[in-house]
C-alpha atoms as a PDB file:
ATOM      1  CA  MET A   1      68.418  16.608 -18.752  1.00  0.00           C
ATOM      2  CA  GLY A   2      69.614  13.909 -16.467  1.00  0.00           C
ATOM      3  CA  GLY A   3      68.508  10.388 -17.380  1.00  0.00           C
ATOM      4  CA  SER A   4      66.155  10.822 -14.027  1.00  0.00           C
ATOM      5  CA  GLU A   5      64.024  14.142 -15.551  1.00  0.00           C
ATOM      6  CA  GLN A   6      63.518  12.192 -19.138  1.00  0.00           C
ATOM      7  CA  ALA A   7      62.427   9.275 -17.028  1.00  0.00           C
ATOM      8  CA  LEU A   8      59.455  11.479 -15.034  1.00  0.00           C
ATOM      9  CA  LEU A   9      58.398  13.241 -18.775  1.00  0.00           C
ATOM     10  CA  ALA A  10      58.136   9.457 -19.599  1.00  0.00           C
ATOM     11  CA  LYS A  11      55.711   9.009 -17.011  1.00  0.00           C
ATOM     12  CA  LYS A  12      53.681  11.754 -17.774  1.00  0.00           C
ATOM     13  CA  LYS A  13      53.014  10.539 -20.978  1.00  0.00           C
ATOM     14  CA  LYS A  14      51.859   7.501 -20.524  1.00  0.00           C
ATOM     15  CA  GLY A  15      49.551   9.166 -17.671  1.00  0.00           C
ATOM     16  CA  GLU A  16      48.150  11.415 -20.513  1.00  0.00           C
ATOM     17  CA  GLU A  17      47.583   8.834 -22.274  1.00  0.00           C
ATOM     18  CA  ALA A  18      45.699   6.223 -20.377  1.00  0.00           C
ATOM     19  CA  ASP A  19      42.912   9.003 -20.253  1.00  0.00           C
ATOM     20  CA  LEU A  20      39.997   6.974 -21.233  1.00  0.00           C
ATOM     21  CA  ASP A  21      36.287   8.605 -22.791  1.00  0.00           C
ATOM     22  CA  ILE A  22      33.827   7.140 -20.928  1.00  0.00           C
ATOM     23  CA  THR A  23      30.658   8.968 -22.529  1.00  0.00           C
ATOM     24  CA  PRO A  24      29.817   5.984 -25.174  1.00  0.00           C
ATOM     25  CA  MET A  25      29.577   3.791 -21.861  1.00  0.00           C
ATOM     26  CA  ILE A  26      27.030   6.562 -20.442  1.00  0.00           C
ATOM     27  CA  ASP A  27      25.358   5.895 -23.726  1.00  0.00           C
ATOM     28  CA  VAL A  28      24.995   2.605 -23.671  1.00  0.00           C
ATOM     29  CA  THR A  29      24.055   1.868 -19.899  1.00  0.00           C
ATOM     30  CA  PHE A  30      21.309   4.300 -20.199  1.00  0.00           C
ATOM     31  CA  LEU A  31      20.264   3.326 -23.689  1.00  0.00           C
ATOM     32  CA  LEU A  32      19.777  -0.264 -21.962  1.00  0.00           C
ATOM     33  CA  LEU A  33      17.512   1.526 -19.213  1.00  0.00           C
ATOM     34  CA  ILE A  34      15.478   3.164 -21.181  1.00  0.00           C
ATOM     35  CA  PHE A  35      15.067  -0.396 -23.297  1.00  0.00           C
ATOM     36  CA  PHE A  36      14.132  -2.016 -20.369  1.00  0.00           C
ATOM     37  CA  MET A  37      11.675   0.333 -18.633  1.00  0.00           C
ATOM     38  CA  VAL A  38      10.055   0.993 -22.082  1.00  0.00           C
ATOM     39  CA  THR A  39       9.608  -3.389 -22.864  1.00  0.00           C
ATOM     40  CA  SER A  40       9.158  -4.902 -19.132  1.00  0.00           C
ATOM     41  CA  THR A  41       5.410  -5.131 -17.934  1.00  0.00           C
ATOM     42  CA  MET A  42       4.259  -3.265 -15.004  1.00  0.00           C
ATOM     43  CA  GLN A  43       1.880  -4.874 -12.403  1.00  0.00           C
ATOM     44  CA  GLU A  44      -1.887  -4.889 -14.016  1.00  0.00           C
ATOM     45  CA  THR A  45      -3.981  -3.321 -11.589  1.00  0.00           C
ATOM     46  CA  SER A  46      -7.778  -2.470 -12.385  1.00  0.00           C
ATOM     47  CA  SER A  47      -9.189   0.613 -14.008  1.00  0.00           C
ATOM     48  CA  ILE A  48     -12.111   0.430 -11.621  1.00  0.00           C
ATOM     49  CA  LYS A  49     -12.857   3.767  -9.429  1.00  0.00           C
ATOM     50  CA  PRO A  50     -15.307   2.341  -7.122  1.00  0.00           C
ATOM     51  CA  PRO A  51     -17.247   5.189  -4.830  1.00  0.00           C
ATOM     52  CA  GLY A  52     -16.176   5.694  -1.320  1.00  0.00           C
ATOM     53  CA  ALA A  53     -18.064   4.124   1.854  1.00  0.00           C
ATOM     54  CA  ARG A  54     -17.141   4.367   5.766  1.00  0.00           C
ATOM     55  CA  HIS A  55     -19.021   1.693   6.982  1.00  0.00           C
ATOM     56  CA  GLY A  56     -19.052  -1.969   5.747  1.00  0.00           C
ATOM     57  CA  GLU A  57     -16.770  -4.892   5.984  1.00  0.00           C
ATOM     58  CA  GLY A  58     -14.594  -6.807   3.511  1.00  0.00           C
ATOM     59  CA  THR A  59     -15.191 -10.057   2.118  1.00  0.00           C
ATOM     60  CA  ASN A  60     -12.963 -12.865   1.219  1.00  0.00           C
ATOM     61  CA  LYS A  61     -11.950 -12.285  -2.625  1.00  0.00           C
ATOM     62  CA  GLU A  62     -11.189 -15.901  -3.325  1.00  0.00           C
ATOM     63  CA  ASP A  63     -14.473 -17.493  -2.317  1.00  0.00           C
ATOM     64  CA  SER A  64     -15.736 -15.132  -4.615  1.00  0.00           C
ATOM     65  CA  VAL A  65     -16.535 -14.159  -8.225  1.00  0.00           C
ATOM     66  CA  ILE A  66     -15.860 -11.482  -9.560  1.00  0.00           C
ATOM     67  CA  LEU A  67     -17.887  -8.906 -11.882  1.00  0.00           C
ATOM     68  CA  SER A  68     -16.406  -5.763 -11.927  1.00  0.00           C
ATOM     69  CA  ILE A  69     -17.971  -2.772 -14.724  1.00  0.00           C
ATOM     70  CA  GLU A  70     -15.606  -0.176 -16.650  1.00  0.00           C
ATOM     71  CA  ALA A  71     -17.569   3.169 -17.205  1.00  0.00           C
ATOM     72  CA  PRO A  72     -17.977   3.557 -20.986  1.00  0.00           C
ATOM     73  CA  GLU A  73     -15.470   5.826 -22.990  1.00  0.00           C
ATOM     74  CA  SER A  74     -18.759   8.089 -23.941  1.00  0.00           C
ATOM     75  CA  LEU A  75     -22.706   7.725 -22.846  1.00  0.00           C
ATOM     76  CA  SER A  76     -23.842   6.208 -26.213  1.00  0.00           C
ATOM     77  CA  GLU A  77     -21.487   3.524 -25.131  1.00  0.00           C
ATOM     78  CA  GLU A  78     -22.331   0.234 -22.446  1.00  0.00           C
ATOM     79  CA  PRO A  79     -20.039  -0.632 -19.643  1.00  0.00           C
ATOM     80  CA  VAL A  80     -17.787  -3.104 -19.878  1.00  0.00           C
ATOM     81  CA  ILE A  81     -18.373  -6.359 -17.263  1.00  0.00           C
ATOM     82  CA  ARG A  82     -15.693  -8.067 -16.557  1.00  0.00           C
ATOM     83  CA  LEU A  83     -15.575 -11.343 -14.989  1.00  0.00           C
ATOM     84  CA  GLY A  84     -12.686 -11.389 -12.534  1.00  0.00           C
ATOM     85  CA  ASP A  85     -10.581  -7.856 -11.459  1.00  0.00           C
ATOM     86  CA  LYS A  86      -7.965  -7.580 -13.954  1.00  0.00           C
ATOM     87  CA  PRO A  87      -7.755  -5.278 -17.348  1.00  0.00           C
ATOM     88  CA  THR A  88      -6.980  -9.317 -18.752  1.00  0.00           C
ATOM     89  CA  SER A  89      -9.739 -10.406 -17.469  1.00  0.00           C
ATOM     90  CA  GLU A  90     -12.324 -12.076 -19.990  1.00  0.00           C
ATOM     91  CA  ILE A  91     -15.494  -9.477 -20.966  1.00  0.00           C
ATOM     92  CA  ILE A  92     -19.110 -11.107 -21.270  1.00  0.00           C
ATOM     93  CA  ASN A  93     -22.160  -9.194 -21.963  1.00  0.00           C
ATOM     94  CA  LEU A  94     -25.139  -8.241 -20.217  1.00  0.00           C
ATOM     95  CA  GLY A  95     -26.943 -11.356 -21.486  1.00  0.00           C
ATOM     96  CA  GLN A  96     -24.516 -13.551 -20.167  1.00  0.00           C
ATOM     97  CA  VAL A  97     -23.912 -12.541 -16.702  1.00  0.00           C
ATOM     98  CA  GLU A  98     -26.264 -15.510 -15.272  1.00  0.00           C
ATOM     99  CA  ASN A  99     -24.837 -18.257 -16.997  1.00  0.00           C
ATOM    100  CA  ARG A 100     -20.840 -16.986 -16.784  1.00  0.00           C
ATOM    101  CA  VAL A 101     -21.635 -16.380 -12.947  1.00  0.00           C
ATOM    102  CA  LYS A 102     -23.727 -20.292 -11.952  1.00  0.00           C
ATOM    103  CA  THR A 103     -20.407 -21.606 -14.045  1.00  0.00           C
ATOM    104  CA  ALA A 104     -17.539 -19.618 -11.832  1.00  0.00           C
ATOM    105  CA  MET A 105     -19.550 -20.590  -8.874  1.00  0.00           C
ATOM    106  CA  GLU A 106     -19.464 -24.261  -9.619  1.00  0.00           C
ATOM    107  CA  GLY A 107     -16.063 -24.961  -7.347  1.00  0.00           C
ATOM    108  CA  LEU A 108     -16.873 -22.366  -4.481  1.00  0.00           C
ATOM    109  CA  LEU A 109     -18.087 -23.259  -1.096  1.00  0.00           C
ATOM    110  CA  ASP A 110     -19.656 -19.837  -0.679  1.00  0.00           C
ATOM    111  CA  HIS A 111     -22.007 -17.907  -2.821  1.00  0.00           C
ATOM    112  CA  HIS A 112     -20.741 -14.694  -2.741  1.00  0.00           C
ATOM    113  CA  VAL A 113     -20.142 -12.382  -6.128  1.00  0.00           C
ATOM    114  CA  ILE A 114     -18.395  -9.121  -5.253  1.00  0.00           C
ATOM    115  CA  ILE A 115     -19.783  -6.566  -8.205  1.00  0.00           C
ATOM    116  CA  LYS A 116     -16.998  -3.638  -8.524  1.00  0.00           C
ATOM    117  CA  ALA A 117     -18.396  -0.854 -10.184  1.00  0.00           C
ATOM    118  CA  ASP A 118     -16.554   2.304 -11.457  1.00  0.00           C
ATOM    119  CA  ARG A 119     -18.221   5.045  -9.868  1.00  0.00           C
ATOM    120  CA  ASP A 120     -19.519   6.596 -12.917  1.00  0.00           C
ATOM    121  CA  VAL A 121     -21.735   3.344 -13.886  1.00  0.00           C
ATOM    122  CA  PRO A 122     -24.668   4.643 -14.176  1.00  0.00           C
ATOM    123  CA  HIS A 123     -26.707   2.659 -10.711  1.00  0.00           C
ATOM    124  CA  GLY A 124     -29.297   1.279 -13.435  1.00  0.00           C
ATOM    125  CA  PHE A 125     -27.087  -1.298 -14.439  1.00  0.00           C
ATOM    126  CA  VAL A 126     -26.143  -1.988 -11.985  1.00  0.00           C
ATOM    127  CA  GLN A 127     -29.784  -3.287 -11.121  1.00  0.00           C
ATOM    128  CA  GLN A 128     -29.861  -5.026 -14.375  1.00  0.00           C
ATOM    129  CA  ILE A 129     -26.328  -7.216 -13.314  1.00  0.00           C
ATOM    130  CA  LEU A 130     -28.054  -7.527 -10.003  1.00  0.00           C
ATOM    131  CA  GLN A 131     -31.515  -8.848 -11.396  1.00  0.00           C
ATOM    132  CA  GLU A 132     -29.662 -11.406 -13.305  1.00  0.00           C
ATOM    133  CA  ILE A 133     -27.320 -12.447 -10.673  1.00  0.00           C
ATOM    134  CA  ALA A 134     -30.920 -12.781  -8.679  1.00  0.00           C
ATOM    135  CA  GLY A 135     -31.983 -15.211 -11.192  1.00  0.00           C
ATOM    136  CA  ILE A 136     -29.553 -17.977 -10.781  1.00  0.00           C
ATOM    137  CA  ASP A 137     -30.014 -18.904  -6.506  1.00  0.00           C
ATOM    138  CA  ASN A 138     -31.769 -17.863  -3.862  1.00  0.00           C
ATOM    139  CA  GLU A 139     -28.646 -18.073  -1.685  1.00  0.00           C
ATOM    140  CA  ILE A 140     -26.300 -15.566  -3.191  1.00  0.00           C
ATOM    141  CA  GLN A 141     -25.109 -12.948  -1.006  1.00  0.00           C
ATOM    142  CA  TYR A 142     -23.737 -10.207  -3.331  1.00  0.00           C
ATOM    143  CA  HIS A 143     -20.886  -7.474  -2.100  1.00  0.00           C
ATOM    144  CA  ILE A 144     -20.624  -4.020  -3.894  1.00  0.00           C
ATOM    145  CA  GLY A 145     -17.525  -2.884  -4.132  1.00  0.00           C
ATOM    146  CA  VAL A 146     -16.190   0.088  -2.470  1.00  0.00           C
ATOM    147  CA  GLU A 147     -13.548   2.202  -1.570  1.00  0.00           C
ATOM    148  CA  ASP A 148     -12.128   2.371   1.810  1.00  0.00           C
ATOM    149  CA  LYS A 149     -12.470   6.367   3.182  1.00  0.00           C
ATOM    150  CA  SER A 150     -10.328   4.895   5.869  1.00  0.00           C
ATOM    151  CA  ARG A 151      -6.771   3.809   4.077  1.00  0.00           C
ATOM    152  CA  SER A 152      -7.212   5.792   1.296  1.00  0.00           C
ATOM    153  CA  GLN A 153      -6.537   8.544   2.793  1.00  0.00           C
END
């Protein structure tokens, strides 16, 4: 064998040794991906599913007090009332509605209350909340939150 053949064989051996096992790198990448998917916080959305409507017009949420009413998990429980439309909003009971809405309205120009009730909340419970709100002020306008069918389809 000549010197040039030995040099070619030496280059091949060096090339074979240069192979890297990337399996651990792929494992680490997937572990990082899973870690960030599990620990990240997703944007909070309301769990309320309002009934649909064909007619009506929207109102400004910034100048309104929003009451969210979530359906109870069982028939023996009362619906959950939240002052706001986020799942982390403060939970209030029926007896606190009048005082809490009155306090929330103090800084607002318009006296609007938006009631976002889940479609499974009994109508009688929504009526009780409306009676509580009626005792605050004669100029309060209340709006029942509904799902816009034209946008949802």
